[in-house]
C-alpha atoms as a PDB file:
ATOM      1  CA  MET A   1    -121.158 -83.310-215.499  1.00  0.00           C
ATOM      2  CA  ALA A   2    -120.693 -79.870-214.013  1.00  0.00           C
ATOM      3  CA  ARG A   3    -117.206 -78.692-213.127  1.00  0.00           C
ATOM      4  CA  LYS A   4    -117.230 -77.693-209.455  1.00  0.00           C
ATOM      5  CA  PHE A   5    -115.674 -78.046-206.029  1.00  0.00           C
ATOM      6  CA  GLU A   6    -117.496 -79.621-203.109  1.00  0.00           C
ATOM      7  CA  LYS A   7    -116.730 -80.323-199.488  1.00  0.00           C
ATOM      8  CA  ILE A   8    -116.134 -83.959-198.650  1.00  0.00           C
ATOM      9  CA  SER A   9    -118.690 -85.483-196.280  1.00  0.00           C
ATOM     10  CA  LEU A  10    -118.516 -84.619-192.593  1.00  0.00           C
ATOM     11  CA  GLU A  11    -117.719 -88.264-191.807  1.00  0.00           C
ATOM     12  CA  GLN A  12    -114.770 -88.329-194.252  1.00  0.00           C
ATOM     13  CA  PHE A  13    -113.627 -84.906-192.998  1.00  0.00           C
ATOM     14  CA  ILE A  14    -113.449 -86.045-189.363  1.00  0.00           C
ATOM     15  CA  LYS A  15    -111.712 -89.293-190.379  1.00  0.00           C
ATOM     16  CA  ASP A  16    -109.068 -87.590-192.561  1.00  0.00           C
ATOM     17  CA  THR A  17    -108.408 -84.439-190.524  1.00  0.00           C
ATOM     18  CA  ASN A  18    -109.196 -85.222-186.871  1.00  0.00           C
ATOM     19  CA  LEU A  19    -111.014 -81.877-186.822  1.00  0.00           C
ATOM     20  CA  LYS A  20    -114.532 -81.268-185.541  1.00  0.00           C
ATOM     21  CA  GLU A  21    -117.856 -80.319-187.100  1.00  0.00           C
ATOM     22  CA  ASP A  22    -117.476 -76.585-186.396  1.00  0.00           C
ATOM     23  CA  GLU A  23    -114.260 -76.555-188.483  1.00  0.00           C
ATOM     24  CA  TYR A  24    -116.132 -78.443-191.218  1.00  0.00           C
ATOM     25  CA  ASN A  25    -118.805 -75.764-191.285  1.00  0.00           C
ATOM     26  CA  SER A  26    -116.320 -72.891-191.405  1.00  0.00           C
ATOM     27  CA  TYR A  27    -113.941 -73.579-194.300  1.00  0.00           C
ATOM     28  CA  ASP A  28    -114.440 -72.317-197.846  1.00  0.00           C
ATOM     29  CA  LEU A  29    -114.281 -73.941-201.248  1.00  0.00           C
ATOM     30  CA  PRO A  30    -111.311 -72.969-203.471  1.00  0.00           C
ATOM     31  CA  LYS A  31    -111.704 -69.678-205.291  1.00  0.00           C
ATOM     32  CA  ARG A  32    -109.843 -67.520-207.771  1.00  0.00           C
ATOM     33  CA  GLY A  33    -108.140 -64.394-206.486  1.00  0.00           C
ATOM     34  CA  THR A  34    -108.732 -62.208-209.532  1.00  0.00           C
ATOM     35  CA  LYS A  35    -111.039 -62.073-212.525  1.00  0.00           C
ATOM     36  CA  TYR A  36    -108.486 -63.613-214.921  1.00  0.00           C
ATOM     37  CA  SER A  37    -106.713 -66.022-212.556  1.00  0.00           C
ATOM     38  CA  ALA A  38    -106.461 -69.560-213.932  1.00  0.00           C
ATOM     39  CA  GLY A  39    -105.929 -71.151-210.527  1.00  0.00           C
ATOM     40  CA  TYR A  40    -108.379 -71.741-207.704  1.00  0.00           C
ATOM     41  CA  ASP A  41    -106.601 -71.225-204.381  1.00  0.00           C
ATOM     42  CA  PHE A  42    -106.809 -73.983-201.754  1.00  0.00           C
ATOM     43  CA  SER A  43    -106.566 -72.828-198.143  1.00  0.00           C
ATOM     44  CA  LEU A  44    -105.321 -74.708-195.090  1.00  0.00           C
ATOM     45  CA  LEU A  45    -107.826 -76.218-192.675  1.00  0.00           C
ATOM     46  CA  ASN A  46    -105.480 -75.706-189.717  1.00  0.00           C
ATOM     47  CA  ASP A  47    -101.985 -74.476-188.820  1.00  0.00           C
ATOM     48  CA  VAL A  48     -99.069 -76.462-190.274  1.00  0.00           C
ATOM     49  CA  THR A  49     -95.399 -76.209-189.320  1.00  0.00           C
ATOM     50  CA  LEU A  50     -92.739 -77.572-191.657  1.00  0.00           C
ATOM     51  CA  LEU A  51     -89.192 -77.985-190.383  1.00  0.00           C
ATOM     52  CA  PRO A  52     -86.301 -77.844-192.878  1.00  0.00           C
ATOM     53  CA  GLY A  53     -86.365 -81.041-194.957  1.00  0.00           C
ATOM     54  CA  GLU A  54     -89.752 -82.088-193.571  1.00  0.00           C
ATOM     55  CA  SER A  55     -92.736 -83.067-195.710  1.00  0.00           C
ATOM     56  CA  LYS A  56     -96.390 -83.423-194.691  1.00  0.00           C
ATOM     57  CA  LYS A  57     -99.522 -84.734-196.362  1.00  0.00           C
ATOM     58  CA  ILE A  58    -102.227 -82.126-195.941  1.00  0.00           C
ATOM     59  CA  PRO A  59    -105.956 -82.769-196.327  1.00  0.00           C
ATOM     60  CA  THR A  60    -107.898 -80.046-198.129  1.00  0.00           C
ATOM     61  CA  GLY A  61    -111.458 -81.138-197.304  1.00  0.00           C
ATOM     62  CA  ILE A  62    -112.223 -80.685-201.002  1.00  0.00           C
ATOM     63  CA  LYS A  63    -113.278 -82.932-203.862  1.00  0.00           C
ATOM     64  CA  ALA A  64    -113.850 -81.883-207.460  1.00  0.00           C
ATOM     65  CA  THR A  65    -116.160 -83.004-210.199  1.00  0.00           C
ATOM     66  CA  MET A  66    -115.380 -82.375-213.859  1.00  0.00           C
ATOM     67  CA  ASN A  67    -116.057 -83.659-217.351  1.00  0.00           C
ATOM     68  CA  GLU A  68    -114.506 -86.985-218.398  1.00  0.00           C
ATOM     69  CA  ASP A  69    -112.007 -85.266-220.717  1.00  0.00           C
ATOM     70  CA  GLU A  70    -110.736 -82.873-218.049  1.00  0.00           C
ATOM     71  CA  VAL A  71    -108.150 -83.003-215.297  1.00  0.00           C
ATOM     72  CA  LEU A  72    -107.503 -80.808-212.267  1.00  0.00           C
ATOM     73  CA  LEU A  73    -103.823 -79.937-211.842  1.00  0.00           C
ATOM     74  CA  ILE A  74    -102.718 -79.009-208.313  1.00  0.00           C
ATOM     75  CA  ILE A  75     -99.670 -76.745-208.169  1.00  0.00           C
ATOM     76  CA  ILE A  76     -97.873 -75.013-205.289  1.00  0.00           C
ATOM     77  CA  ARG A  77     -98.444 -71.267-205.195  1.00  0.00           C
ATOM     78  CA  SER A  78     -95.479 -69.651-206.919  1.00  0.00           C
ATOM     79  CA  SER A  79     -94.732 -67.320-204.001  1.00  0.00           C
ATOM     80  CA  LEU A  80     -94.148 -70.296-201.672  1.00  0.00           C
ATOM     81  CA  GLY A  81     -91.687 -71.857-204.085  1.00  0.00           C
ATOM     82  CA  THR A  82     -89.743 -68.712-204.876  1.00  0.00           C
ATOM     83  CA  LYS A  83     -89.729 -67.031-201.451  1.00  0.00           C
ATOM     84  CA  PHE A  84     -89.568 -70.032-199.088  1.00  0.00           C
ATOM     85  CA  ASN A  85     -88.441 -73.039-201.194  1.00  0.00           C
ATOM     86  CA  ILE A  86     -91.640 -74.961-200.432  1.00  0.00           C
ATOM     87  CA  ARG A  87     -92.381 -77.671-202.999  1.00  0.00           C
ATOM     88  CA  MET A  88     -95.087 -80.201-203.686  1.00  0.00           C
ATOM     89  CA  CYS A  89     -93.508 -83.623-203.348  1.00  0.00           C
ATOM     90  CA  ASN A  90     -94.922 -84.794-206.679  1.00  0.00           C
ATOM     91  CA  GLN A  91     -94.383 -81.356-208.278  1.00  0.00           C
ATOM     92  CA  VAL A  92     -97.861 -81.342-209.866  1.00  0.00           C
ATOM     93  CA  GLY A  93    -100.862 -83.190-208.503  1.00  0.00           C
ATOM     94  CA  VAL A  94    -103.070 -84.813-211.130  1.00  0.00           C
ATOM     95  CA  ILE A  95    -106.716 -85.229-210.142  1.00  0.00           C
ATOM     96  CA  ASP A  96    -108.520 -87.330-212.737  1.00  0.00           C
ATOM     97  CA  SER A  97    -112.276 -87.066-213.261  1.00  0.00           C
ATOM     98  CA  ASP A  98    -112.807 -90.594-211.913  1.00  0.00           C
ATOM     99  CA  TYR A  99    -111.173 -89.666-208.591  1.00  0.00           C
ATOM    100  CA  TYR A 100    -114.462 -88.004-207.609  1.00  0.00           C
ATOM    101  CA  ASN A 101    -116.595 -90.120-205.244  1.00  0.00           C
ATOM    102  CA  ASN A 102    -114.477 -93.233-205.735  1.00  0.00           C
ATOM    103  CA  GLU A 103    -114.703 -96.193-203.339  1.00  0.00           C
ATOM    104  CA  GLY A 104    -111.457 -95.389-201.563  1.00  0.00           C
ATOM    105  CA  ASN A 105    -112.024 -91.895-200.155  1.00  0.00           C
ATOM    106  CA  GLU A 106    -114.803 -89.903-201.877  1.00  0.00           C
ATOM    107  CA  GLY A 107    -112.121 -88.186-203.958  1.00  0.00           C
ATOM    108  CA  HIS A 108    -110.647 -86.160-201.088  1.00  0.00           C
ATOM    109  CA  ILE A 109    -107.848 -84.045-202.561  1.00  0.00           C
ATOM    110  CA  MET A 110    -104.679 -84.170-200.475  1.00  0.00           C
ATOM    111  CA  VAL A 111    -101.392 -82.374-201.099  1.00  0.00           C
ATOM    112  CA  THR A 112     -97.950 -83.296-199.814  1.00  0.00           C
ATOM    113  CA  ILE A 113     -95.587 -80.383-199.433  1.00  0.00           C
ATOM    114  CA  LYS A 114     -91.934 -80.273-198.416  1.00  0.00           C
ATOM    115  CA  ASN A 115     -89.767 -77.561-196.929  1.00  0.00           C
ATOM    116  CA  GLU A 116     -86.604 -77.539-199.044  1.00  0.00           C
ATOM    117  CA  GLY A 117     -85.404 -74.389-197.288  1.00  0.00           C
ATOM    118  CA  ASN A 118     -83.096 -73.916-194.297  1.00  0.00           C
ATOM    119  CA  GLU A 119     -85.665 -72.404-191.935  1.00  0.00           C
ATOM    120  CA  SER A 120     -88.892 -73.663-190.376  1.00  0.00           C
ATOM    121  CA  ARG A 121     -92.044 -72.381-192.029  1.00  0.00           C
ATOM    122  CA  VAL A 122     -95.318 -71.890-190.179  1.00  0.00           C
ATOM    123  CA  PHE A 123     -98.493 -71.808-192.251  1.00  0.00           C
ATOM    124  CA  LYS A 124    -101.620 -70.440-190.607  1.00  0.00           C
ATOM    125  CA  LYS A 125    -105.149 -71.792-190.914  1.00  0.00           C
ATOM    126  CA  GLY A 126    -106.760 -70.235-193.988  1.00  0.00           C
ATOM    127  CA  GLU A 127    -103.427 -69.532-195.710  1.00  0.00           C
ATOM    128  CA  ARG A 128    -103.423 -70.358-199.412  1.00  0.00           C
ATOM    129  CA  VAL A 129    -100.776 -72.983-200.217  1.00  0.00           C
ATOM    130  CA  CYS A 130    -101.658 -74.440-203.610  1.00  0.00           C
ATOM    131  CA  GLN A 131    -103.882 -73.806-206.577  1.00  0.00           C
ATOM    132  CA  GLY A 132    -105.982 -75.982-208.829  1.00  0.00           C
ATOM    133  CA  ILE A 133    -106.258 -75.477-212.564  1.00  0.00           C
ATOM    134  CA  PHE A 134    -108.825 -77.334-214.683  1.00  0.00           C
ATOM    135  CA  THR A 135    -107.800 -78.245-218.210  1.00  0.00           C
ATOM    136  CA  LYS A 136    -108.809 -80.618-220.992  1.00  0.00           C
ATOM    137  CA  PHE A 137    -106.603 -83.521-222.042  1.00  0.00           C
ATOM    138  CA  LEU A 138    -106.313 -85.478-225.267  1.00  0.00           C
ATOM    139  CA  THR A 139    -105.995 -89.222-225.907  1.00  0.00           C
ATOM    140  CA  VAL A 140    -104.589 -91.114-228.870  1.00  0.00           C
ATOM    141  CA  GLU A 141    -107.025 -92.507-231.413  1.00  0.00           C
ATOM    142  CA  ASN A 142    -105.505 -96.005-231.548  1.00  0.00           C
ATOM    143  CA  GLU A 143    -105.647 -96.671-227.806  1.00  0.00           C
ATOM    144  CA  GLU A 144    -107.032-100.014-226.690  1.00  0.00           C
ATOM    145  CA  GLU A 145    -110.284 -99.857-224.749  1.00  0.00           C
ATOM    146  CA  ILE A 146    -109.673 -99.433-221.027  1.00  0.00           C
ATOM    147  CA  LEU A 147    -112.111-101.243-218.769  1.00  0.00           C
ATOM    148  CA  ASN A 148    -110.427-100.601-215.411  1.00  0.00           C
ATOM    149  CA  GLU A 149    -112.259 -98.414-212.900  1.00  0.00           C
ATOM    150  CA  ARG A 150    -110.639 -96.485-210.067  1.00  0.00           C
ATOM    151  CA  THR A 151    -111.270 -97.944-206.629  1.00  0.00           C
ATOM    152  CA  GLY A 152    -108.511 -96.327-204.570  1.00  0.00           C
ATOM    153  CA  GLY A 153    -107.845 -93.028-202.928  1.00  0.00           C
ATOM    154  CA  PHE A 154    -104.741 -90.835-202.710  1.00  0.00           C
ATOM    155  CA  GLY A 155    -102.019 -92.103-205.022  1.00  0.00           C
ATOM    156  CA  SER A 156    -104.210 -94.779-206.602  1.00  0.00           C
ATOM    157  CA  THR A 157    -103.500 -95.930-210.116  1.00  0.00           C
ATOM    158  CA  SER A 158    -105.277 -97.850-212.831  1.00  0.00           C
ATOM    159  CA  ARG A 159    -103.580-101.028-211.574  1.00  0.00           C
ATOM    160  CA  GLU A 160    -106.380-101.247-209.053  1.00  0.00           C
ATOM    161  CA  VAL A 161    -109.122-102.810-211.123  1.00  0.00           C
ATOM    162  CA  LYS A 162    -112.731-103.474-210.351  1.00  0.00           C
END
Protein backbone atom coordinates (compact mmCIF):
# COMPACT_ATOMS: atom_id res chain seq x y z
CA MET A 1 0.00 0.00 0.00
CA ALA A 2 1.29 3.46 -0.78
CA ARG A 3 2.16 5.80 2.07
CA LYS A 4 0.16 9.00 1.60
CA PHE A 5 -2.22 11.54 3.08
CA GLU A 6 -5.75 12.01 1.81
CA LYS A 7 -8.67 14.24 2.66
CA ILE A 8 -11.53 12.53 4.43
CA SER A 9 -14.80 12.46 2.47
CA LEU A 10 -16.86 15.63 2.23
CA GLU A 11 -19.65 13.93 4.19
CA GLN A 12 -17.29 12.98 7.06
CA PHE A 13 -15.71 16.46 6.93
CA ILE A 14 -19.05 18.25 7.37
CA LYS A 15 -20.07 15.82 10.14
CA ASP A 16 -16.81 16.16 12.11
CA THR A 17 -16.07 19.86 11.60
CA ASN A 18 -19.40 21.65 11.02
CA LEU A 19 -17.62 23.45 8.17
CA LYS A 20 -18.90 23.81 4.62
CA GLU A 21 -17.86 22.49 1.22
CA ASP A 22 -15.84 25.59 0.29
CA GLU A 23 -13.62 25.03 3.36
CA TYR A 24 -13.28 21.37 2.33
CA ASN A 25 -12.05 22.42 -1.09
CA SER A 26 -9.54 24.93 0.27
CA TYR A 27 -7.39 23.10 2.83
CA ASP A 28 -4.11 21.37 2.04
CA LEU A 29 -2.68 17.97 2.85
CA PRO A 30 0.20 17.88 5.38
CA LYS A 31 3.60 18.73 3.95
CA ARG A 32 7.20 18.97 5.04
CA GLY A 33 8.69 22.41 5.54
CA THR A 34 12.21 21.62 4.33
CA LYS A 35 13.96 19.04 2.21
CA TYR A 36 15.23 17.02 5.21
CA SER A 37 12.32 17.51 7.62
CA ALA A 38 11.04 14.24 9.10
CA GLY A 39 7.65 15.66 10.04
CA TYR A 40 4.70 16.56 7.85
CA ASP A 41 3.01 19.67 9.24
CA PHE A 42 -0.74 19.58 9.90
CA SER A 43 -2.54 22.91 9.63
CA LEU A 44 -5.72 24.08 11.34
CA LEU A 45 -8.99 24.07 9.43
CA ASN A 46 -10.29 27.08 11.37
CA ASP A 47 -9.39 29.45 14.21
CA VAL A 48 -9.02 27.89 17.67
CA THR A 49 -8.76 29.69 21.00
CA LEU A 50 -7.40 27.87 24.04
CA LEU A 51 -7.83 29.41 27.47
CA PRO A 52 -5.32 28.55 30.22
CA GLY A 53 -5.93 24.95 31.31
CA GLU A 54 -8.34 24.30 28.44
CA SER A 55 -8.08 21.37 26.03
CA LYS A 56 -9.83 20.86 22.68
CA LYS A 57 -10.15 18.00 20.24
CA ILE A 58 -9.32 19.32 16.80
CA PRO A 59 -10.26 17.63 13.52
CA THR A 60 -7.58 17.71 10.82
CA GLY A 61 -9.66 16.60 7.82
CA ILE A 62 -6.85 14.15 7.06
CA LYS A 63 -6.48 10.38 6.92
CA ALA A 64 -3.31 8.45 6.14
CA THR A 65 -2.56 5.19 4.43
CA MET A 66 0.66 3.30 5.06
CA ASN A 67 2.20 -0.16 4.97
CA GLU A 68 1.10 -2.71 7.59
CA ASP A 69 4.44 -2.49 9.43
CA GLU A 70 4.36 1.30 9.73
CA VAL A 71 2.83 3.80 12.12
CA LEU A 72 2.23 7.54 11.89
CA LEU A 73 3.28 9.40 15.04
CA ILE A 74 1.57 12.75 15.66
CA ILE A 75 3.60 15.19 17.75
CA ILE A 76 3.04 18.82 18.76
CA ARG A 77 5.32 21.25 16.95
CA SER A 78 8.26 21.94 19.24
CA SER A 79 7.84 25.72 19.06
CA LEU A 80 4.32 25.48 20.55
CA GLY A 81 5.57 23.41 23.47
CA THR A 82 8.62 25.50 24.25
CA LYS A 83 7.25 29.00 23.59
CA PHE A 84 3.61 28.65 24.69
CA ASN A 85 3.40 25.48 26.83
CA ILE A 86 0.90 23.86 24.45
CA ARG A 87 0.82 20.07 24.76
CA MET A 88 -0.93 17.17 23.09
CA CYS A 89 -3.08 15.52 25.73
CA ASN A 90 -1.75 12.06 24.90
CA GLN A 91 1.78 13.41 24.29
CA VAL A 92 2.20 11.40 21.06
CA GLY A 93 -0.64 10.30 18.82
CA VAL A 94 -0.28 6.81 17.38
CA ILE A 95 -2.05 6.24 14.06
CA ASP A 96 -1.94 2.56 13.16
CA SER A 97 -2.19 1.38 9.56
CA ASP A 98 -5.59 -0.21 10.21
CA TYR A 99 -7.04 3.14 11.33
CA TYR A 100 -7.36 4.06 7.65
CA ASN A 101 -10.91 3.71 6.29
CA ASN A 102 -12.15 1.83 9.35
CA GLU A 103 -15.88 1.44 10.07
CA GLY A 104 -15.94 4.06 12.79
CA ASN A 105 -14.78 7.24 11.03
CA GLU A 106 -12.82 6.65 7.79
CA GLY A 107 -9.62 7.08 9.80
CA HIS A 108 -10.05 10.82 10.41
CA ILE A 109 -6.99 11.97 12.37
CA MET A 110 -7.91 14.17 15.32
CA VAL A 111 -5.57 15.82 17.82
CA THR A 112 -6.37 17.00 21.33
CA ILE A 113 -4.23 19.85 22.55
CA LYS A 114 -4.11 21.60 25.92
CA ASN A 115 -2.94 25.02 26.99
CA GLU A 116 -0.72 24.42 30.02
CA GLY A 117 0.33 28.07 30.03
CA ASN A 118 -1.02 31.07 31.94
CA GLU A 119 -2.29 33.03 28.94
CA SER A 120 -4.93 32.40 26.29
CA ARG A 121 -3.57 31.29 22.94
CA VAL A 122 -5.28 32.03 19.64
CA PHE A 123 -4.41 29.81 16.69
CA LYS A 124 -5.37 31.03 13.24
CA LYS A 125 -6.79 28.97 10.39
CA GLY A 126 -3.88 27.47 8.44
CA GLU A 127 -1.47 27.64 11.39
CA ARG A 128 0.67 24.53 11.78
CA VAL A 129 0.09 22.91 15.19
CA CYS A 130 1.40 19.36 14.96
CA GLN A 131 3.49 17.14 12.74
CA GLY A 132 3.23 13.57 11.57
CA ILE A 133 6.21 11.26 11.26
CA PHE A 134 5.97 7.86 9.54
CA THR A 135 8.14 5.09 10.92
CA LYS A 136 8.38 1.30 10.86
CA PHE A 137 7.70 -0.79 13.95
CA LEU A 138 8.81 -4.26 14.99
CA THR A 139 6.88 -7.14 16.58
CA VAL A 140 8.08 -10.08 18.64
CA GLU A 141 8.48 -13.42 16.90
CA ASN A 142 6.61 -15.47 19.52
CA GLU A 143 3.43 -13.37 19.49
CA GLU A 144 0.13 -15.22 19.29
CA GLU A 145 -1.86 -14.63 16.12
CA ILE A 146 -4.14 -11.62 16.44
CA LEU A 147 -7.49 -11.93 14.69
CA ASN A 148 -9.13 -8.73 15.96
CA GLU A 149 -9.90 -6.01 13.41
CA ARG A 150 -10.34 -2.33 14.19
CA THR A 151 -13.92 -1.10 13.99
CA GLY A 152 -13.75 2.14 15.97
CA GLY A 153 -12.63 5.67 15.43
CA PHE A 154 -10.68 8.12 17.60
CA GLY A 155 -9.26 6.40 20.66
CA SER A 156 -10.35 2.92 19.55
CA THR A 157 -8.41 -0.09 20.72
CA SER A 158 -8.09 -3.73 19.78
CA ARG A 159 -10.72 -4.55 22.42
CA GLU A 160 -13.29 -3.70 19.78
CA VAL A 161 -13.40 -6.91 17.80
CA LYS A 162 -15.17 -7.78 14.61
